[in-house]
Amino acid sequence: MEVVEIVSYYYHEDRKLLEVSFRSSIDSDDEIRNDMLNLDDAKKIGFELIKEEIDIFEDEEDFFEDFDDFVSIDEDLLLSYLNEYYIVNPNKIPKAEFF
């Protein structure tokens, strides 16, 4: 099984978890897999999945006051991490669900 597509993700900043939905090479277009990834575990093996960005609009006058610093996720790196993670931990591969 190979992860071939990231469908969606959500960063839970308070718990340092990344909720990710994806498709593998053996899934149909109607199937999706969901998992929660511990970002500290990913970082320990060299995958810096979350990059916290500096607010580049600091000098703007409250125009972006509703936006705090944002995070960026490298989807190619996330795809690589998922593939490596599930090779090492095949028992943690989530079951496919119809959506």
PDB file of N, CA and C in Angstrom:
ATOM      1  N   MET A   1       0.833  -1.170   0.000  1.00  0.00           N
ATOM      2  CA  MET A   1       0.000   0.000   0.000  1.00  0.00           C
ATOM      3  C   MET A   1       0.886   1.244   0.000  1.00  0.00           C
ATOM      4  N   GLU A   2       0.531   2.189  -0.830  1.00  0.00           N
ATOM      5  CA  GLU A   2       1.237   3.458  -0.891  1.00  0.00           C
ATOM      6  C   GLU A   2       0.216   4.590  -0.794  1.00  0.00           C
ATOM      7  N   VAL A   3       0.514   5.594   0.001  1.00  0.00           N
ATOM      8  CA  VAL A   3      -0.347   6.769   0.080  1.00  0.00           C
ATOM      9  C   VAL A   3      -0.087   7.583  -1.182  1.00  0.00           C
ATOM     10  N   VAL A   4      -1.164   7.852  -1.934  1.00  0.00           N
ATOM     11  CA  VAL A   4      -1.001   8.536  -3.214  1.00  0.00           C
ATOM     12  C   VAL A   4      -1.645   9.918  -3.257  1.00  0.00           C
ATOM     13  N   GLU A   5      -2.545  10.206  -2.309  1.00  0.00           N
ATOM     14  CA  GLU A   5      -3.230  11.499  -2.342  1.00  0.00           C
ATOM     15  C   GLU A   5      -3.599  11.957  -0.935  1.00  0.00           C
ATOM     16  N   ILE A   6      -3.255  13.198  -0.636  1.00  0.00           N
ATOM     17  CA  ILE A   6      -3.713  13.831   0.598  1.00  0.00           C
ATOM     18  C   ILE A   6      -5.031  14.512   0.256  1.00  0.00           C
ATOM     19  N   VAL A   7      -6.104  14.122   0.928  1.00  0.00           N
ATOM     20  CA  VAL A   7      -7.420  14.700   0.662  1.00  0.00           C
ATOM     21  C   VAL A   7      -7.615  15.969   1.486  1.00  0.00           C
ATOM     22  N   SER A   8      -7.297  15.884   2.778  1.00  0.00           N
ATOM     23  CA  SER A   8      -7.417  17.051   3.649  1.00  0.00           C
ATOM     24  C   SER A   8      -6.579  16.833   4.895  1.00  0.00           C
ATOM     25  N   TYR A   9      -6.366  17.930   5.607  1.00  0.00           N
ATOM     26  CA  TYR A   9      -5.675  17.847   6.894  1.00  0.00           C
ATOM     27  C   TYR A   9      -6.098  19.016   7.760  1.00  0.00           C
ATOM     28  N   TYR A  10      -5.956  18.817   9.066  1.00  0.00           N
ATOM     29  CA  TYR A  10      -6.261  19.871  10.020  1.00  0.00           C
ATOM     30  C   TYR A  10      -5.235  19.790  11.150  1.00  0.00           C
ATOM     31  N   TYR A  11      -4.632  20.907  11.458  1.00  0.00           N
ATOM     32  CA  TYR A  11      -3.614  20.986  12.503  1.00  0.00           C
ATOM     33  C   TYR A  11      -4.272  21.346  13.827  1.00  0.00           C
ATOM     34  N   HIS A  12      -4.158  20.449  14.808  1.00  0.00           N
ATOM     35  CA  HIS A  12      -4.641  20.694  16.168  1.00  0.00           C
ATOM     36  C   HIS A  12      -3.457  21.234  16.975  1.00  0.00           C
ATOM     37  N   GLU A  13      -3.308  22.538  16.946  1.00  0.00           N
ATOM     38  CA  GLU A  13      -2.135  23.181  17.536  1.00  0.00           C
ATOM     39  C   GLU A  13      -2.008  22.902  19.032  1.00  0.00           C
ATOM     40  N   ASP A  14      -3.130  22.896  19.748  1.00  0.00           N
ATOM     41  CA  ASP A  14      -3.097  22.699  21.196  1.00  0.00           C
ATOM     42  C   ASP A  14      -2.592  21.315  21.589  1.00  0.00           C
ATOM     43  N   ARG A  15      -2.815  20.316  20.741  1.00  0.00           N
ATOM     44  CA  ARG A  15      -2.383  18.944  21.060  1.00  0.00           C
ATOM     45  C   ARG A  15      -1.207  18.483  20.213  1.00  0.00           C
ATOM     46  N   LYS A  16      -0.730  19.343  19.296  1.00  0.00           N
ATOM     47  CA  LYS A  16       0.365  19.012  18.388  1.00  0.00           C
ATOM     48  C   LYS A  16       0.070  17.736  17.604  1.00  0.00           C
ATOM     49  N   LEU A  17      -1.154  17.679  17.075  1.00  0.00           N
ATOM     50  CA  LEU A  17      -1.588  16.559  16.263  1.00  0.00           C
ATOM     51  C   LEU A  17      -2.019  17.068  14.892  1.00  0.00           C
ATOM     52  N   LEU A  18      -1.831  16.220  13.894  1.00  0.00           N
ATOM     53  CA  LEU A  18      -2.286  16.538  12.556  1.00  0.00           C
ATOM     54  C   LEU A  18      -3.310  15.481  12.156  1.00  0.00           C
ATOM     55  N   GLU A  19      -4.534  15.933  11.945  1.00  0.00           N
ATOM     56  CA  GLU A  19      -5.595  15.043  11.481  1.00  0.00           C
ATOM     57  C   GLU A  19      -5.515  15.037   9.954  1.00  0.00           C
ATOM     58  N   VAL A  20      -5.349  13.874   9.376  1.00  0.00           N
ATOM     59  CA  VAL A  20      -5.147  13.788   7.928  1.00  0.00           C
ATOM     60  C   VAL A  20      -6.082  12.758   7.305  1.00  0.00           C
ATOM     61  N   SER A  21      -6.612  13.094   6.136  1.00  0.00           N
ATOM     62  CA  SER A  21      -7.428  12.175   5.335  1.00  0.00           C
ATOM     63  C   SER A  21      -6.682  11.945   4.035  1.00  0.00           C
ATOM     64  N   PHE A  22      -6.627  10.690   3.606  1.00  0.00           N
ATOM     65  CA  PHE A  22      -5.843  10.375   2.421  1.00  0.00           C
ATOM     66  C   PHE A  22      -6.392   9.154   1.699  1.00  0.00           C
ATOM     67  N   ARG A  23      -5.884   8.939   0.496  1.00  0.00           N
ATOM     68  CA  ARG A  23      -6.191   7.739  -0.279  1.00  0.00           C
ATOM     69  C   ARG A  23      -4.902   6.976  -0.529  1.00  0.00           C
ATOM     70  N   SER A  24      -5.033   5.667  -0.523  1.00  0.00           N
ATOM     71  CA  SER A  24      -3.889   4.826  -0.844  1.00  0.00           C
ATOM     72  C   SER A  24      -4.066   4.261  -2.251  1.00  0.00           C
ATOM     73  N   SER A  25      -3.035   3.607  -2.711  1.00  0.00           N
ATOM     74  CA  SER A  25      -3.050   3.037  -4.061  1.00  0.00           C
ATOM     75  C   SER A  25      -4.082   1.920  -4.209  1.00  0.00           C
ATOM     76  N   ILE A  26      -4.550   1.366  -3.116  1.00  0.00           N
ATOM     77  CA  ILE A  26      -5.527   0.272  -3.192  1.00  0.00           C
ATOM     78  C   ILE A  26      -6.959   0.729  -2.919  1.00  0.00           C
ATOM     79  N   ASP A  27      -7.148   2.043  -2.699  1.00  0.00           N
ATOM     80  CA  ASP A  27      -8.477   2.581  -2.417  1.00  0.00           C
ATOM     81  C   ASP A  27      -9.171   3.012  -3.701  1.00  0.00           C
ATOM     82  N   SER A  28     -10.486   2.907  -3.697  1.00  0.00           N
ATOM     83  CA  SER A  28     -11.268   3.414  -4.827  1.00  0.00           C
ATOM     84  C   SER A  28     -11.501   4.914  -4.623  1.00  0.00           C
ATOM     85  N   ASP A  29     -12.092   5.561  -5.599  1.00  0.00           N
ATOM     86  CA  ASP A  29     -12.382   6.994  -5.496  1.00  0.00           C
ATOM     87  C   ASP A  29     -13.410   7.293  -4.412  1.00  0.00           C
ATOM     88  N   ASP A  30     -14.172   6.279  -3.996  1.00  0.00           N
ATOM     89  CA  ASP A  30     -15.199   6.457  -2.968  1.00  0.00           C
ATOM     90  C   ASP A  30     -14.692   6.150  -1.563  1.00  0.00           C
ATOM     91  N   GLU A  31     -13.417   5.825  -1.434  1.00  0.00           N
ATOM     92  CA  GLU A  31     -12.869   5.457  -0.131  1.00  0.00           C
ATOM     93  C   GLU A  31     -11.851   6.497   0.330  1.00  0.00           C
ATOM     94  N   ILE A  32     -11.763   6.605   1.635  1.00  0.00           N
ATOM     95  CA  ILE A  32     -10.828   7.537   2.259  1.00  0.00           C
ATOM     96  C   ILE A  32     -10.338   6.912   3.568  1.00  0.00           C
ATOM     97  N   ARG A  33      -9.158   7.283   3.976  1.00  0.00           N
ATOM     98  CA  ARG A  33      -8.599   6.823   5.253  1.00  0.00           C
ATOM     99  C   ARG A  33      -8.293   8.046   6.109  1.00  0.00           C
ATOM    100  N   ASN A  34      -8.523   7.932   7.407  1.00  0.00           N
ATOM    101  CA  ASN A  34      -8.310   9.041   8.338  1.00  0.00           C
ATOM    102  C   ASN A  34      -7.360   8.597   9.439  1.00  0.00           C
ATOM    103  N   ASP A  35      -6.479   9.505   9.836  1.00  0.00           N
ATOM    104  CA  ASP A  35      -5.545   9.192  10.911  1.00  0.00           C
ATOM    105  C   ASP A  35      -5.174  10.482  11.640  1.00  0.00           C
ATOM    106  N   MET A  36      -4.726  10.318  12.877  1.00  0.00           N
ATOM    107  CA  MET A  36      -4.203  11.422  13.690  1.00  0.00           C
ATOM    108  C   MET A  36      -2.709  11.160  13.862  1.00  0.00           C
ATOM    109  N   LEU A  37      -1.892  12.124  13.472  1.00  0.00           N
ATOM    110  CA  LEU A  37      -0.441  11.976  13.545  1.00  0.00           C
ATOM    111  C   LEU A  37       0.127  12.837  14.665  1.00  0.00           C
ATOM    112  N   ASN A  38       0.992  12.244  15.453  1.00  0.00           N
ATOM    113  CA  ASN A  38       1.687  12.975  16.503  1.00  0.00           C
ATOM    114  C   ASN A  38       2.884  13.672  15.857  1.00  0.00           C
ATOM    115  N   LEU A  39       2.878  14.991  15.865  1.00  0.00           N
ATOM    116  CA  LEU A  39       3.927  15.744  15.192  1.00  0.00           C
ATOM    117  C   LEU A  39       5.281  15.622  15.882  1.00  0.00           C
ATOM    118  N   ASP A  40       5.272  15.380  17.181  1.00  0.00           N
ATOM    119  CA  ASP A  40       6.539  15.181  17.879  1.00  0.00           C
ATOM    120  C   ASP A  40       7.219  13.903  17.406  1.00  0.00           C
ATOM    121  N   ASP A  41       6.435  12.856  17.145  1.00  0.00           N
ATOM    122  CA  ASP A  41       7.002  11.609  16.634  1.00  0.00           C
ATOM    123  C   ASP A  41       7.609  11.818  15.250  1.00  0.00           C
ATOM    124  N   ALA A  42       6.917  12.577  14.417  1.00  0.00           N
ATOM    125  CA  ALA A  42       7.424  12.857  13.064  1.00  0.00           C
ATOM    126  C   ALA A  42       8.724  13.646  13.140  1.00  0.00           C
ATOM    127  N   LYS A  43       8.764  14.614  14.035  1.00  0.00           N
ATOM    128  CA  LYS A  43       9.952  15.459  14.176  1.00  0.00           C
ATOM    129  C   LYS A  43      11.163  14.657  14.640  1.00  0.00           C
ATOM    130  N   LYS A  44      10.932  13.647  15.510  1.00  0.00           N
ATOM    131  CA  LYS A  44      12.023  12.820  16.031  1.00  0.00           C
ATOM    132  C   LYS A  44      12.754  12.071  14.930  1.00  0.00           C
ATOM    133  N   ILE A  45      12.041  11.737  13.850  1.00  0.00           N
ATOM    134  CA  ILE A  45      12.700  10.995  12.769  1.00  0.00           C
ATOM    135  C   ILE A  45      13.005  11.889  11.558  1.00  0.00           C
ATOM    136  N   GLY A  46      12.968  13.210  11.778  1.00  0.00           N
ATOM    137  CA  GLY A  46      13.444  14.136  10.770  1.00  0.00           C
ATOM    138  C   GLY A  46      12.403  14.756   9.862  1.00  0.00           C
ATOM    139  N   PHE A  47      11.128  14.599  10.175  1.00  0.00           N
ATOM    140  CA  PHE A  47      10.079  15.189   9.358  1.00  0.00           C
ATOM    141  C   PHE A  47       9.484  16.396  10.073  1.00  0.00           C
ATOM    142  N   GLU A  48       9.847  17.581   9.632  1.00  0.00           N
ATOM    143  CA  GLU A  48       9.319  18.842  10.168  1.00  0.00           C
ATOM    144  C   GLU A  48       8.103  19.197   9.316  1.00  0.00           C
ATOM    145  N   LEU A  49       6.934  18.640   9.690  1.00  0.00           N
ATOM    146  CA  LEU A  49       5.737  18.779   8.869  1.00  0.00           C
ATOM    147  C   LEU A  49       5.094  20.153   8.974  1.00  0.00           C
ATOM    148  N   ILE A  50       5.195  20.784  10.128  1.00  0.00           N
ATOM    149  CA  ILE A  50       4.588  22.087  10.351  1.00  0.00           C
ATOM    150  C   ILE A  50       5.681  23.138  10.392  1.00  0.00           C
ATOM    151  N   LYS A  51       5.529  24.137   9.561  1.00  0.00           N
ATOM    152  CA  LYS A  51       6.463  25.249   9.567  1.00  0.00           C
ATOM    153  C   LYS A  51       5.692  26.486  10.003  1.00  0.00           C
ATOM    154  N   GLU A  52       6.042  27.003  11.165  1.00  0.00           N
ATOM    155  CA  GLU A  52       5.367  28.206  11.647  1.00  0.00           C
ATOM    156  C   GLU A  52       5.970  29.400  10.937  1.00  0.00           C
ATOM    157  N   GLU A  53       5.100  30.205  10.373  1.00  0.00           N
ATOM    158  CA  GLU A  53       5.519  31.353   9.572  1.00  0.00           C
ATOM    159  C   GLU A  53       5.491  32.620  10.416  1.00  0.00           C
ATOM    160  N   ILE A  54       6.385  33.511  10.103  1.00  0.00           N
ATOM    161  CA  ILE A  54       6.408  34.819  10.752  1.00  0.00           C
ATOM    162  C   ILE A  54       5.335  35.673  10.100  1.00  0.00           C
ATOM    163  N   ASP A  55       4.655  36.466  10.904  1.00  0.00           N
ATOM    164  CA  ASP A  55       3.634  37.364  10.382  1.00  0.00           C
ATOM    165  C   ASP A  55       4.314  38.448   9.552  1.00  0.00           C
ATOM    166  N   ILE A  56       4.140  38.384   8.237  1.00  0.00           N
ATOM    167  CA  ILE A  56       4.820  39.327   7.350  1.00  0.00           C
ATOM    168  C   ILE A  56       4.090  40.664   7.263  1.00  0.00           C
ATOM    169  N   PHE A  57       2.929  40.749   7.876  1.00  0.00           N
ATOM    170  CA  PHE A  57       2.143  41.974   7.821  1.00  0.00           C
ATOM    171  C   PHE A  57       2.140  42.710   9.164  1.00  0.00           C
ATOM    172  N   GLU A  58       3.198  42.575   9.915  1.00  0.00           N
ATOM    173  CA  GLU A  58       3.257  43.186  11.241  1.00  0.00           C
ATOM    174  C   GLU A  58       3.006  44.686  11.203  1.00  0.00           C
ATOM    175  N   ASP A  59       3.488  45.358  10.187  1.00  0.00           N
ATOM    176  CA  ASP A  59       3.396  46.807  10.130  1.00  0.00           C
ATOM    177  C   ASP A  59       2.044  47.313   9.630  1.00  0.00           C
ATOM    178  N   GLU A  60       1.235  46.441   9.080  1.00  0.00           N
ATOM    179  CA  GLU A  60      -0.069  46.861   8.593  1.00  0.00           C
ATOM    180  C   GLU A  60      -0.956  47.213   9.784  1.00  0.00           C
ATOM    181  N   GLU A  61      -1.756  48.216   9.630  1.00  0.00           N
ATOM    182  CA  GLU A  61      -2.556  48.749  10.729  1.00  0.00           C
ATOM    183  C   GLU A  61      -3.807  47.915  10.974  1.00  0.00           C
ATOM    184  N   ASP A  62      -3.697  46.914  11.819  1.00  0.00           N
ATOM    185  CA  ASP A  62      -4.805  46.066  12.264  1.00  0.00           C
ATOM    186  C   ASP A  62      -5.632  45.454  11.127  1.00  0.00           C
ATOM    187  N   PHE A  63      -5.138  45.523   9.911  1.00  0.00           N
ATOM    188  CA  PHE A  63      -5.891  44.963   8.787  1.00  0.00           C
ATOM    189  C   PHE A  63      -6.038  43.457   8.932  1.00  0.00           C
ATOM    190  N   PHE A  64      -4.995  42.833   9.453  1.00  0.00           N
ATOM    191  CA  PHE A  64      -5.002  41.380   9.592  1.00  0.00           C
ATOM    192  C   PHE A  64      -5.124  40.972  11.054  1.00  0.00           C
ATOM    193  N   GLU A  65      -5.816  41.744  11.858  1.00  0.00           N
ATOM    194  CA  GLU A  65      -5.867  41.461  13.290  1.00  0.00           C
ATOM    195  C   GLU A  65      -6.524  40.127  13.610  1.00  0.00           C
ATOM    196  N   ASP A  66      -7.376  39.621  12.736  1.00  0.00           N
ATOM    197  CA  ASP A  66      -8.018  38.334  12.980  1.00  0.00           C
ATOM    198  C   ASP A  66      -7.121  37.157  12.634  1.00  0.00           C
ATOM    199  N   PHE A  67      -6.014  37.438  11.989  1.00  0.00           N
ATOM    200  CA  PHE A  67      -5.111  36.371  11.569  1.00  0.00           C
ATOM    201  C   PHE A  67      -3.874  36.389  12.433  1.00  0.00           C
ATOM    202  N   ASP A  68      -3.688  35.303  13.177  1.00  0.00           N
ATOM    203  CA  ASP A  68      -2.452  35.159  13.942  1.00  0.00           C
ATOM    204  C   ASP A  68      -1.398  34.613  13.004  1.00  0.00           C
ATOM    205  N   ASP A  69      -0.251  34.260  13.563  1.00  0.00           N
ATOM    206  CA  ASP A  69       0.749  33.586  12.752  1.00  0.00           C
ATOM    207  C   ASP A  69       0.113  32.326  12.174  1.00  0.00           C
ATOM    208  N   PHE A  70       0.412  32.038  10.939  1.00  0.00           N
ATOM    209  CA  PHE A  70      -0.194  30.880  10.314  1.00  0.00           C
ATOM    210  C   PHE A  70       0.843  29.781  10.140  1.00  0.00           C
ATOM    211  N   VAL A  71       0.370  28.591   9.893  1.00  0.00           N
ATOM    212  CA  VAL A  71       1.268  27.463   9.702  1.00  0.00           C
ATOM    213  C   VAL A  71       1.167  26.982   8.259  1.00  0.00           C
ATOM    214  N   SER A  72       2.252  26.429   7.819  1.00  0.00           N
ATOM    215  CA  SER A  72       2.323  25.920   6.461  1.00  0.00           C
ATOM    216  C   SER A  72       2.686  24.438   6.534  1.00  0.00           C
ATOM    217  N   ILE A  73       2.029  23.641   5.709  1.00  0.00           N
ATOM    218  CA  ILE A  73       2.310  22.214   5.675  1.00  0.00           C
ATOM    219  C   ILE A  73       2.788  21.857   4.279  1.00  0.00           C
ATOM    220  N   ASP A  74       3.943  21.248   4.209  1.00  0.00           N
ATOM    221  CA  ASP A  74       4.492  20.781   2.942  1.00  0.00           C
ATOM    222  C   ASP A  74       3.819  19.447   2.617  1.00  0.00           C
ATOM    223  N   GLU A  75       2.890  19.443   1.663  1.00  0.00           N
ATOM    224  CA  GLU A  75       2.113  18.239   1.374  1.00  0.00           C
ATOM    225  C   GLU A  75       2.965  17.114   0.793  1.00  0.00           C
ATOM    226  N   ASP A  76       4.004  17.442   0.043  1.00  0.00           N
ATOM    227  CA  ASP A  76       4.896  16.405  -0.484  1.00  0.00           C
ATOM    228  C   ASP A  76       5.649  15.721   0.653  1.00  0.00           C
ATOM    229  N   LEU A  77       6.084  16.505   1.621  1.00  0.00           N
ATOM    230  CA  LEU A  77       6.771  15.943   2.781  1.00  0.00           C
ATOM    231  C   LEU A  77       5.805  15.100   3.616  1.00  0.00           C
ATOM    232  N   LEU A  78       4.573  15.568   3.758  1.00  0.00           N
ATOM    233  CA  LEU A  78       3.549  14.810   4.485  1.00  0.00           C
ATOM    234  C   LEU A  78       3.295  13.472   3.799  1.00  0.00           C
ATOM    235  N   LEU A  79       3.206  13.477   2.494  1.00  0.00           N
ATOM    236  CA  LEU A  79       3.011  12.245   1.726  1.00  0.00           C
ATOM    237  C   LEU A  79       4.184  11.284   1.949  1.00  0.00           C
ATOM    238  N   SER A  80       5.399  11.791   1.914  1.00  0.00           N
ATOM    239  CA  SER A  80       6.589  10.962   2.162  1.00  0.00           C
ATOM    240  C   SER A  80       6.579  10.385   3.568  1.00  0.00           C
ATOM    241  N   TYR A  81       6.221  11.235   4.538  1.00  0.00           N
ATOM    242  CA  TYR A  81       6.173  10.764   5.923  1.00  0.00           C
ATOM    243  C   TYR A  81       5.145   9.643   6.091  1.00  0.00           C
ATOM    244  N   LEU A  82       3.948   9.845   5.544  1.00  0.00           N
ATOM    245  CA  LEU A  82       2.912   8.817   5.667  1.00  0.00           C
ATOM    246  C   LEU A  82       3.366   7.491   5.069  1.00  0.00           C
ATOM    247  N   ASN A  83       3.978   7.540   3.902  1.00  0.00           N
ATOM    248  CA  ASN A  83       4.451   6.307   3.272  1.00  0.00           C
ATOM    249  C   ASN A  83       5.513   5.614   4.121  1.00  0.00           C
ATOM    250  N   GLU A  84       6.459   6.379   4.643  1.00  0.00           N
ATOM    251  CA  GLU A  84       7.493   5.786   5.494  1.00  0.00           C
ATOM    252  C   GLU A  84       6.897   5.266   6.804  1.00  0.00           C
ATOM    253  N   TYR A  85       6.013   6.043   7.401  1.00  0.00           N
ATOM    254  CA  TYR A  85       5.387   5.666   8.673  1.00  0.00           C
ATOM    255  C   TYR A  85       4.636   4.333   8.550  1.00  0.00           C
ATOM    256  N   TYR A  86       3.874   4.165   7.472  1.00  0.00           N
ATOM    257  CA  TYR A  86       3.088   2.940   7.320  1.00  0.00           C
ATOM    258  C   TYR A  86       3.926   1.745   6.861  1.00  0.00           C
ATOM    259  N   ILE A  87       5.085   1.984   6.276  1.00  0.00           N
ATOM    260  CA  ILE A  87       6.000   0.875   5.984  1.00  0.00           C
ATOM    261  C   ILE A  87       6.566   0.332   7.294  1.00  0.00           C
ATOM    262  N   VAL A  88       6.949   1.239   8.182  1.00  0.00           N
ATOM    263  CA  VAL A  88       7.524   0.845   9.475  1.00  0.00           C
ATOM    264  C   VAL A  88       6.452   0.321  10.429  1.00  0.00           C
ATOM    265  N   ASN A  89       5.228   0.858  10.322  1.00  0.00           N
ATOM    266  CA  ASN A  89       4.130   0.496  11.227  1.00  0.00           C
ATOM    267  C   ASN A  89       2.909   0.002  10.440  1.00  0.00           C
ATOM    268  N   PRO A  90       3.013  -1.133   9.782  1.00  0.00           N
ATOM    269  CA  PRO A  90       1.882  -1.594   8.960  1.00  0.00           C
ATOM    270  C   PRO A  90       0.615  -1.886   9.768  1.00  0.00           C
ATOM    271  N   ASN A  91       0.764  -2.154  11.039  1.00  0.00           N
ATOM    272  CA  ASN A  91      -0.405  -2.422  11.885  1.00  0.00           C
ATOM    273  C   ASN A  91      -1.186  -1.153  12.231  1.00  0.00           C
ATOM    274  N   LYS A  92      -0.634   0.020  11.906  1.00  0.00           N
ATOM    275  CA  LYS A  92      -1.304   1.289  12.198  1.00  0.00           C
ATOM    276  C   LYS A  92      -2.009   1.883  10.988  1.00  0.00           C
ATOM    277  N   ILE A  93      -2.019   1.171   9.882  1.00  0.00           N
ATOM    278  CA  ILE A  93      -2.701   1.663   8.685  1.00  0.00           C
ATOM    279  C   ILE A  93      -4.200   1.701   8.982  1.00  0.00           C
ATOM    280  N   PRO A  94      -4.816   2.871   8.848  1.00  0.00           N
ATOM    281  CA  PRO A  94      -6.262   2.947   9.123  1.00  0.00           C
ATOM    282  C   PRO A  94      -7.067   2.249   8.043  1.00  0.00           C
ATOM    283  N   LYS A  95      -8.206   1.759   8.428  1.00  0.00           N
ATOM    284  CA  LYS A  95      -9.099   1.084   7.479  1.00  0.00           C
ATOM    285  C   LYS A  95      -9.754   2.115   6.567  1.00  0.00           C
ATOM    286  N   ALA A  96      -9.986   1.710   5.337  1.00  0.00           N
ATOM    287  CA  ALA A  96     -10.661   2.579   4.380  1.00  0.00           C
ATOM    288  C   ALA A  96     -12.125   2.692   4.757  1.00  0.00           C
ATOM    289  N   GLU A  97     -12.666   3.892   4.573  1.00  0.00           N
ATOM    290  CA  GLU A  97     -14.080   4.155   4.846  1.00  0.00           C
ATOM    291  C   GLU A  97     -14.710   4.748   3.598  1.00  0.00           C
ATOM    292  N   PHE A  98     -15.968   4.421   3.374  1.00  0.00           N
ATOM    293  CA  PHE A  98     -16.694   5.064   2.274  1.00  0.00           C
ATOM    294  C   PHE A  98     -17.151   6.424   2.725  1.00  0.00           C
ATOM    295  N   PHE A  99     -17.076   7.381   1.836  1.00  0.00           N
ATOM    296  CA  PHE A  99     -17.559   8.724   2.196  1.00  0.00           C
ATOM    297  C   PHE A  99     -18.587   9.226   1.224  1.00  0.00           C
TER     298      PHE A  99
END
